[in-house]
Amino acid sequence: MSDEIPRRRPSGLGRGLSSLLGDIQREAPVAGSPARGDVRQIPVASIEPHPDQPRRFFAEAALDELALSIAARGLIQPIVVRPHGHRFQIVAGERRWRAAQRARLHEIPAIVRAFSDSETLEVSLLENIQREDLNAIEEAAAYRRLIDDYGHSQEALGKLLGKSRSHVVNHLRLLDLPESVRAMVADGRLSMGHARALIGAPDVEALAEEVARRGLSVRDTETLAKAAKPRRQRAGPVEYKGSHADIEALERQLSDLVGVKVGIKYSPKGGQVTLAYTSLDQLDMICQRLSGGKF
């Protein structure tokens, strides 16, 4: 799907990315002042990708589709770059830059901002997450980088991204998996729910291959991982959870998908689904996702 459709402006609550980029639409271009958000035409050959950008995987078919759109209509939405020596380094929009190359454009519109290394990573992460372009492993790796290299706390990251702290923590736990299993999540053979179910299980790589081969559901994966763990002596009989375990698994999956804690109350006659938020940014994210809007 093309990402060239202009997105509506945020409603005023979740302005994490806008606060970093500034209100570009309201800024008049200032000659010779790249830090003020000057929109200019820049040669494609003078732009280079950022080596630490969170997104690592670009679907070839989607790039070809976007390139056809750009060739027909031009690049409508500028990318964001920062000065880098005598060239420019991409802060946000590498996919559009790659597609513009395939469309054989010589120049593309770009917003030039003097971002620091930390701001560059933050904006790139925010832009990709808001477009839902990152897989779970890419997202987790970016979280780890912001925590380790730039001193962000898990709670601060959640507020910055409009996510719950548990969302950040659950992604970070994926980095404890073996590299081969992380690769299966990155290429789509396993979902984040599958990966979470396998954390802490013995012989995780073999279990992951079995899950992918058999096409198991997340619930089945949880059962498989639990059966693989050594049995412990228990003081009394174990209560059978039955459908409650299915509800808990569904709550976890929905929480991973939405980015906030999801609760489900079930009864044969009906029930409730609740979404818990801790900030106006999270509320804005929930509203926009339920309404089908973009950030």
Protein backbone atom coordinates (compact mmCIF):
# COMPACT_ATOMS: atom_id res chain seq x y z
CA MET A 1 0.00 0.00 0.00
CA SER A 2 1.31 3.42 -0.90
CA ASP A 3 2.24 5.76 1.93
CA GLU A 4 1.83 8.80 -0.28
CA ILE A 5 -1.70 9.67 0.92
CA PRO A 6 -1.44 12.80 3.09
CA ARG A 7 -2.30 12.08 6.70
CA ARG A 8 -4.72 14.28 8.59
CA ARG A 9 -3.15 16.43 11.27
CA PRO A 10 -3.28 15.08 14.83
CA SER A 11 -6.22 16.25 16.88
CA GLY A 12 -3.99 17.90 19.49
CA LEU A 13 -3.56 15.13 22.06
CA GLY A 14 -0.95 12.76 20.66
CA ARG A 15 1.58 15.19 19.20
CA GLY A 16 4.79 13.27 19.97
CA LEU A 17 6.09 13.29 16.39
CA SER A 18 4.74 16.75 15.63
CA SER A 19 6.42 18.21 18.71
CA LEU A 20 9.75 16.87 17.51
CA LEU A 21 9.31 17.93 13.91
CA GLY A 22 7.62 21.23 14.75
CA ASP A 23 4.59 22.55 12.93
CA ILE A 24 6.16 22.32 9.48
CA GLN A 25 3.06 23.66 7.80
CA ARG A 26 3.29 26.91 9.78
CA GLU A 27 7.00 27.51 9.26
CA ALA A 28 8.03 29.79 6.45
CA PRO A 29 11.23 28.54 4.71
CA VAL A 30 14.25 30.39 6.01
CA ALA A 31 17.14 30.58 3.55
CA GLY A 32 20.38 29.19 4.92
CA SER A 33 18.76 27.95 8.13
CA PRO A 34 18.23 24.16 7.90
CA ALA A 35 17.28 23.92 11.57
CA ARG A 36 14.02 25.79 10.92
CA GLY A 37 12.34 23.14 8.78
CA ASP A 38 13.23 24.44 5.31
CA VAL A 39 11.47 22.38 2.61
CA ARG A 40 13.68 22.13 -0.43
CA GLN A 41 14.34 20.00 -3.49
CA ILE A 42 17.44 17.87 -2.85
CA PRO A 43 19.25 15.61 -5.36
CA VAL A 44 18.53 11.98 -4.60
CA ALA A 45 22.24 11.23 -4.94
CA SER A 46 23.03 13.70 -2.14
CA ILE A 47 20.91 11.77 0.38
CA GLU A 48 22.06 8.74 2.33
CA PRO A 49 20.20 6.44 4.77
CA HIS A 50 20.88 6.52 8.50
CA PRO A 51 22.87 3.41 9.49
CA ASP A 52 20.97 3.01 12.77
CA GLN A 53 17.45 3.56 11.51
CA PRO A 54 15.06 1.10 13.23
CA ARG A 55 13.54 -0.34 10.07
CA ARG A 56 15.64 -3.07 8.44
CA PHE A 57 13.15 -4.89 6.21
CA PHE A 58 11.62 -3.33 3.08
CA ALA A 59 9.20 -5.47 1.09
CA GLU A 60 10.26 -5.46 -2.55
CA ALA A 61 6.71 -5.69 -3.93
CA ALA A 62 5.55 -2.76 -1.79
CA LEU A 63 8.56 -0.69 -2.90
CA ASP A 64 7.76 -1.40 -6.55
CA GLU A 65 4.14 -0.37 -5.99
CA LEU A 66 5.19 2.87 -4.31
CA ALA A 67 7.72 3.57 -7.07
CA LEU A 68 4.97 3.31 -9.69
CA SER A 69 2.84 5.76 -7.69
CA ILE A 70 5.74 8.20 -7.35
CA ALA A 71 6.59 7.94 -11.05
CA ALA A 72 2.99 8.83 -11.91
CA ARG A 73 2.31 11.54 -9.32
CA GLY A 74 5.68 12.56 -7.93
CA LEU A 75 6.68 12.42 -4.27
CA ILE A 76 3.86 14.24 -2.49
CA GLN A 77 5.06 13.92 1.10
CA PRO A 78 8.59 15.23 1.78
CA ILE A 79 11.08 13.06 3.61
CA VAL A 80 12.94 14.44 6.65
CA VAL A 81 16.73 14.76 6.57
CA ARG A 82 19.51 16.35 8.60
CA PRO A 83 22.79 17.89 7.38
CA HIS A 84 25.59 15.32 7.39
CA GLY A 85 28.91 16.69 6.19
CA HIS A 86 28.43 17.79 2.59
CA ARG A 87 25.42 15.49 2.21
CA PHE A 88 22.11 14.82 3.94
CA GLN A 89 21.16 11.88 6.14
CA ILE A 90 17.63 10.48 6.28
CA VAL A 91 15.76 10.94 9.54
CA ALA A 92 12.34 9.74 8.34
CA GLY A 93 11.20 8.51 4.94
CA GLU A 94 13.82 5.99 3.78
CA ARG A 95 11.14 3.90 2.09
CA ARG A 96 10.03 6.90 0.01
CA TRP A 97 13.66 7.70 -0.86
CA ARG A 98 14.26 4.11 -2.02
CA ALA A 99 11.07 4.16 -4.10
CA ALA A 100 12.01 7.53 -5.61
CA GLN A 101 15.29 6.00 -6.79
CA ARG A 102 13.38 3.20 -8.48
CA ALA A 103 11.11 5.79 -10.07
CA ARG A 104 14.28 7.48 -11.46
CA LEU A 105 13.61 10.83 -9.81
CA HIS A 106 16.64 13.12 -9.74
CA GLU A 107 15.36 15.38 -6.94
CA ILE A 108 12.83 14.93 -4.14
CA PRO A 109 11.28 17.33 -1.58
CA ALA A 110 12.83 17.15 1.86
CA ILE A 111 12.44 18.91 5.19
CA VAL A 112 15.88 19.76 6.56
CA ARG A 113 16.25 19.78 10.33
CA ALA A 114 19.36 19.90 12.53
CA PHE A 115 18.55 16.91 14.73
CA SER A 116 20.89 15.38 17.30
CA ASP A 117 21.64 11.64 17.20
CA SER A 118 19.06 10.97 19.93
CA GLU A 119 16.36 13.07 18.24
CA THR A 120 17.10 11.36 14.92
CA LEU A 121 16.46 7.93 16.42
CA GLU A 122 13.35 9.15 18.24
CA VAL A 123 11.79 10.68 15.13
CA SER A 124 12.64 7.65 12.99
CA LEU A 125 11.16 5.30 15.58
CA LEU A 126 8.02 7.40 16.01
CA GLU A 127 7.44 7.74 12.29
CA ASN A 128 7.79 4.01 11.67
CA ILE A 129 5.61 3.04 14.63
CA GLN A 130 2.90 5.51 13.67
CA ARG A 131 2.91 4.06 10.16
CA GLU A 132 3.00 0.55 11.68
CA ASP A 133 6.00 -0.22 9.46
CA LEU A 134 8.23 -1.92 12.04
CA ASN A 135 8.11 -5.59 12.91
CA ALA A 136 8.20 -6.45 16.62
CA ILE A 137 11.94 -7.19 16.64
CA GLU A 138 12.85 -3.91 14.92
CA GLU A 139 10.66 -2.07 17.41
CA ALA A 140 12.25 -3.86 20.36
CA ALA A 141 15.78 -3.15 19.11
CA ALA A 142 14.96 0.55 18.78
CA TYR A 143 13.59 0.61 22.33
CA ARG A 144 16.78 -1.02 23.60
CA ARG A 145 18.91 1.53 21.76
CA LEU A 146 16.98 4.47 23.20
CA ILE A 147 17.30 3.02 26.71
CA ASP A 148 20.96 1.96 26.57
CA ASP A 149 22.46 4.75 24.49
CA TYR A 150 20.26 7.74 25.31
CA GLY A 151 19.09 7.06 28.86
CA HIS A 152 15.34 6.80 28.27
CA SER A 153 13.43 4.89 30.92
CA GLN A 154 10.77 2.35 29.97
CA GLU A 155 8.08 4.64 31.35
CA ALA A 156 9.44 7.67 29.49
CA LEU A 157 9.50 5.69 26.24
CA GLY A 158 5.88 4.69 26.73
CA LYS A 159 4.85 8.31 27.18
CA LEU A 160 6.90 9.42 24.17
CA LEU A 161 5.33 6.78 21.93
CA GLY A 162 1.81 6.82 23.37
CA LYS A 163 2.23 3.20 24.49
CA SER A 164 1.88 1.51 27.85
CA ARG A 165 4.99 0.60 29.84
CA SER A 166 3.98 -3.07 29.59
CA HIS A 167 3.97 -2.73 25.79
CA VAL A 168 7.58 -1.55 25.89
CA VAL A 169 8.58 -4.26 28.39
CA ASN A 170 6.93 -7.04 26.36
CA HIS A 171 8.83 -5.98 23.26
CA LEU A 172 12.14 -5.79 25.11
CA ARG A 173 11.66 -9.35 26.36
CA LEU A 174 11.69 -10.54 22.74
CA LEU A 175 15.39 -9.66 22.61
CA ASP A 176 16.05 -12.49 25.10
CA LEU A 177 15.10 -15.02 22.41
CA PRO A 178 17.80 -16.72 20.30
CA GLU A 179 18.74 -14.90 17.10
CA SER A 180 17.17 -17.57 14.88
CA VAL A 181 13.80 -17.19 16.65
CA ARG A 182 14.01 -13.39 16.44
CA ALA A 183 14.58 -13.79 12.70
CA MET A 184 11.38 -15.84 12.43
CA VAL A 185 9.44 -13.02 14.10
CA ALA A 186 11.09 -10.43 11.85
CA ASP A 187 10.16 -12.26 8.64
CA GLY A 188 6.63 -13.03 9.76
CA ARG A 189 6.86 -16.78 10.34
CA LEU A 190 6.03 -16.18 14.00
CA SER A 191 3.88 -13.44 15.50
CA MET A 192 4.81 -11.51 18.61
CA GLY A 193 2.24 -13.55 20.52
CA HIS A 194 3.95 -16.78 19.46
CA ALA A 195 7.33 -15.40 20.46
CA ARG A 196 6.12 -14.27 23.89
CA ALA A 197 4.70 -17.73 24.54
CA LEU A 198 8.12 -19.29 23.83
CA ILE A 199 10.16 -17.04 26.15
CA GLY A 200 11.70 -19.12 28.91
CA ALA A 201 10.86 -22.47 27.32
CA PRO A 202 13.60 -25.09 26.94
CA ASP A 203 14.99 -25.72 23.45
CA VAL A 204 13.22 -22.62 22.14
CA GLU A 205 14.61 -22.91 18.60
CA ALA A 206 13.20 -26.41 18.11
CA LEU A 207 9.84 -25.36 19.52
CA ALA A 208 9.74 -22.30 17.25
CA GLU A 209 10.39 -24.44 14.17
CA GLU A 210 7.61 -26.83 15.23
CA VAL A 211 5.17 -23.96 15.76
CA ALA A 212 5.93 -22.53 12.31
CA ARG A 213 5.84 -25.92 10.61
CA ARG A 214 2.49 -26.91 12.14
CA GLY A 215 0.96 -23.46 11.90
CA LEU A 216 -0.02 -23.50 15.57
CA SER A 217 -2.11 -20.76 17.14
CA VAL A 218 -0.75 -18.64 19.98
CA ARG A 219 -2.88 -20.60 22.47
CA ASP A 220 -1.53 -23.90 21.15
CA THR A 221 1.98 -22.49 21.34
CA GLU A 222 1.49 -21.58 24.99
CA THR A 223 0.32 -25.13 25.68
CA LEU A 224 3.30 -26.58 23.80
CA ALA A 225 5.80 -24.38 25.66
CA LYS A 226 4.22 -25.20 29.01
CA ALA A 227 4.38 -28.94 28.31
CA ALA A 228 8.06 -28.63 27.40
CA LYS A 229 8.97 -27.14 30.79
CA PRO A 230 10.04 -29.53 33.57
CA ARG A 231 7.16 -30.53 35.80
CA ARG A 232 7.20 -29.30 39.40
CA GLN A 233 5.70 -30.96 42.43
CA ARG A 234 2.60 -29.10 43.52
CA ALA A 235 1.11 -29.00 47.02
CA GLY A 236 -2.44 -29.57 45.89
CA PRO A 237 -4.65 -30.11 42.84
CA VAL A 238 -4.30 -27.64 40.01
CA GLU A 239 -7.41 -25.69 39.15
CA TYR A 240 -8.39 -26.07 35.53
CA LYS A 241 -8.79 -22.63 33.99
CA GLY A 242 -10.59 -23.73 30.88
CA SER A 243 -11.89 -20.79 28.88
CA HIS A 244 -10.26 -18.34 31.31
CA ALA A 245 -6.87 -19.24 29.88
CA ASP A 246 -8.18 -18.51 26.39
CA ILE A 247 -9.48 -15.12 27.54
CA GLU A 248 -6.12 -14.29 29.14
CA ALA A 249 -4.31 -15.24 25.93
CA LEU A 250 -6.68 -13.07 23.90
CA GLU A 251 -6.13 -10.16 26.29
CA ARG A 252 -2.38 -10.44 25.79
CA GLN A 253 -2.69 -10.59 22.01
CA LEU A 254 -4.99 -7.55 21.88
CA SER A 255 -2.71 -5.64 24.26
CA ASP A 256 0.24 -6.30 21.96
CA LEU A 257 -1.79 -5.17 18.95
CA VAL A 258 -3.28 -2.00 20.43
CA GLY A 259 -0.37 -0.94 22.62
CA VAL A 260 -2.37 -0.51 25.84
CA LYS A 261 -3.70 -2.95 28.43
CA VAL A 262 -6.86 -4.72 27.27
CA GLY A 263 -9.32 -6.40 29.66
CA ILE A 264 -12.11 -8.81 28.71
CA LYS A 265 -15.08 -9.73 30.90
CA TYR A 266 -16.96 -12.68 29.43
CA SER A 267 -20.26 -14.35 30.15
CA PRO A 268 -22.58 -16.48 28.00
CA LYS A 269 -24.93 -13.51 27.66
CA GLY A 270 -22.24 -11.00 26.67
CA GLY A 271 -19.39 -9.09 28.19
CA GLN A 272 -17.10 -6.09 28.03
CA VAL A 273 -13.81 -5.17 26.41
CA THR A 274 -11.94 -2.39 28.22
CA LEU A 275 -8.92 -0.38 27.06
CA ALA A 276 -6.84 1.19 29.84
CA TYR A 277 -4.85 4.35 29.15
CA THR A 278 -2.53 6.37 31.37
CA SER A 279 -2.08 9.54 29.31
CA LEU A 280 -3.89 11.71 26.78
CA ASP A 281 -1.41 10.53 24.13
CA GLN A 282 -2.60 6.95 24.64
CA LEU A 283 -6.24 8.05 24.57
CA ASP A 284 -5.64 9.89 21.30
CA MET A 285 -3.98 6.79 19.83
CA ILE A 286 -6.94 4.61 20.87
CA CYS A 287 -9.47 7.07 19.39
CA GLN A 288 -7.64 7.32 16.08
CA ARG A 289 -7.26 3.56 15.74
CA LEU A 290 -10.92 2.93 16.53
CA SER A 291 -11.96 5.61 14.03
CA GLY A 292 -9.66 4.23 11.36
CA GLY A 293 -7.63 7.44 11.19
CA LYS A 294 -3.88 7.86 10.92
CA PHE A 295 -1.55 9.64 13.32
